[in-house]
Amino acid sequence: MKPKQIERAELVRHINEKRLEAGLSYAELADIADVDASQVSRICRGQFITFGASVVRICTTLGLQNTQGEGTTWKRSRRAFDPNWAKLERSIRRAWDNTPVGAERLAKVIAAVGEITRK
């Protein structure tokens, strides 16, 4: 979908507000959202034409929701964005082999780490 200039400007404002609130650099946001850092930089400067996959990934990562009405608008989600949780979740997804056995193994490893850190 090709946004109007005002829609793009509104989205860029929301993205940058959320990114700065979370204390994330372009590179950190890129790592969490799994988008190339140079593309994150361009998107954060409003240099995009459509609401493509990378724009949507960044918005989802930052907790921005797309609301339909007259045109396309973006608003802050009620869900608080926690960059530390996002980094942890990303690491877990990278380590998981997408199998039930792999999920069980990772859960056990995380539980064991939790036991160690509580002592």
Protein backbone atom coordinates (compact mmCIF):
# COMPACT_ATOMS: atom_id res chain seq x y z
CA MET A 1 0.00 0.00 0.00
CA LYS A 2 1.32 3.41 -0.95
CA PRO A 3 0.79 5.91 1.89
CA LYS A 4 0.05 9.58 1.44
CA GLN A 5 2.81 11.97 2.49
CA ILE A 6 0.95 12.95 5.67
CA GLU A 7 0.44 9.28 6.60
CA ARG A 8 4.12 8.56 6.08
CA ALA A 9 5.13 11.58 8.17
CA GLU A 10 2.80 10.52 10.99
CA LEU A 11 4.20 7.00 10.97
CA VAL A 12 7.81 8.22 10.94
CA ARG A 13 7.04 10.45 13.94
CA HIS A 14 5.54 7.51 15.86
CA ILE A 15 8.43 5.19 14.95
CA ASN A 16 11.06 7.67 16.10
CA GLU A 17 9.20 8.50 19.31
CA LYS A 18 8.93 4.82 20.25
CA ARG A 19 12.53 4.08 19.22
CA LEU A 20 13.91 6.96 21.28
CA GLU A 21 11.71 6.12 24.29
CA ALA A 22 13.14 2.60 24.20
CA GLY A 23 16.67 3.96 23.88
CA LEU A 24 17.34 1.98 20.72
CA SER A 25 19.84 2.86 18.02
CA TYR A 26 19.04 2.04 14.41
CA ALA A 27 21.32 -1.00 14.69
CA GLU A 28 19.61 -2.28 17.83
CA LEU A 29 16.15 -1.83 16.31
CA ALA A 30 17.37 -3.57 13.16
CA ASP A 31 18.59 -6.56 15.16
CA ILE A 32 15.35 -6.89 17.12
CA ALA A 33 13.08 -6.39 14.10
CA ASP A 34 15.28 -8.53 11.82
CA VAL A 35 15.56 -5.73 9.27
CA ASP A 36 18.81 -4.46 7.72
CA ALA A 37 20.19 -1.49 9.67
CA SER A 38 20.48 0.69 6.58
CA GLN A 39 16.83 0.04 5.82
CA VAL A 40 15.86 0.94 9.40
CA SER A 41 17.76 4.19 8.97
CA ARG A 42 15.94 4.99 5.73
CA ILE A 43 12.55 4.13 7.20
CA CYS A 44 13.20 6.25 10.29
CA ARG A 45 14.00 9.16 7.97
CA GLY A 46 10.78 8.61 6.00
CA GLN A 47 12.52 7.33 2.89
CA PHE A 48 10.06 4.61 1.93
CA ILE A 49 7.26 4.45 -0.62
CA THR A 50 5.00 1.65 0.63
CA PHE A 51 4.07 0.03 3.91
CA GLY A 52 6.21 -2.96 2.99
CA ALA A 53 7.31 -5.87 5.12
CA SER A 54 10.24 -4.02 6.71
CA VAL A 55 8.07 -1.06 7.74
CA VAL A 56 5.50 -3.42 9.22
CA ARG A 57 8.19 -5.40 11.10
CA ILE A 58 9.59 -2.23 12.63
CA CYS A 59 6.11 -1.06 13.63
CA THR A 60 5.24 -4.44 15.12
CA THR A 61 8.51 -4.53 17.02
CA LEU A 62 7.86 -1.08 18.48
CA GLY A 63 4.24 -1.87 19.35
CA LEU A 64 2.64 0.38 16.76
CA GLN A 65 -0.71 -0.74 15.37
CA ASN A 66 -2.23 -0.02 11.99
CA THR A 67 -5.78 1.28 12.23
CA GLN A 68 -8.01 1.50 9.22
CA GLY A 69 -10.31 4.44 8.69
CA GLU A 70 -10.03 7.18 6.17
CA GLY A 71 -6.62 6.32 4.85
CA THR A 72 -4.19 4.36 6.95
CA THR A 73 -3.19 5.61 10.35
CA TRP A 74 -0.86 4.25 12.96
CA LYS A 75 -1.22 4.56 16.69
CA ARG A 76 0.59 3.45 19.77
CA SER A 77 -0.43 0.07 21.06
CA ARG A 78 -1.63 -0.23 24.63
CA ARG A 79 1.04 -2.91 25.01
CA ALA A 80 4.20 -1.47 26.46
CA PHE A 81 7.30 -2.11 24.38
CA ASP A 82 10.18 -3.55 26.36
CA PRO A 83 13.40 -3.60 24.34
CA ASN A 84 15.06 -6.04 26.73
CA TRP A 85 12.24 -8.55 26.33
CA ALA A 86 12.39 -8.07 22.55
CA LYS A 87 16.13 -8.87 22.56
CA LEU A 88 15.56 -11.95 24.71
CA GLU A 89 12.71 -13.16 22.52
CA ARG A 90 14.83 -12.67 19.40
CA SER A 91 17.66 -14.72 20.93
CA ILE A 92 15.29 -17.52 21.85
CA ARG A 93 13.81 -17.58 18.35
CA ARG A 94 17.31 -17.83 16.86
CA ALA A 95 18.21 -20.72 19.16
CA TRP A 96 14.97 -22.66 18.61
CA ASP A 97 14.87 -25.26 15.83
CA ASN A 98 11.04 -24.95 15.51
CA THR A 99 10.36 -28.42 16.91
CA PRO A 100 8.45 -29.42 20.04
CA VAL A 101 11.55 -31.21 21.33
CA GLY A 102 13.65 -28.11 20.74
CA ALA A 103 11.09 -25.97 22.57
CA GLU A 104 11.16 -28.34 25.55
CA ARG A 105 14.96 -28.29 25.65
CA LEU A 106 15.12 -24.49 25.53
CA ALA A 107 12.47 -24.22 28.24
CA LYS A 108 14.56 -26.51 30.47
CA VAL A 109 17.73 -24.50 29.82
CA ILE A 110 15.96 -21.24 30.63
CA ALA A 111 14.45 -22.74 33.78
CA ALA A 112 17.90 -23.95 34.87
CA VAL A 113 19.39 -20.50 34.29
CA GLY A 114 16.53 -19.04 36.32
CA GLU A 115 17.35 -21.38 39.20
CA ILE A 116 21.00 -20.34 39.12
CA THR A 117 20.23 -16.63 39.07
CA ARG A 118 17.82 -16.88 42.01
CA LYS A 119 20.50 -18.35 44.29
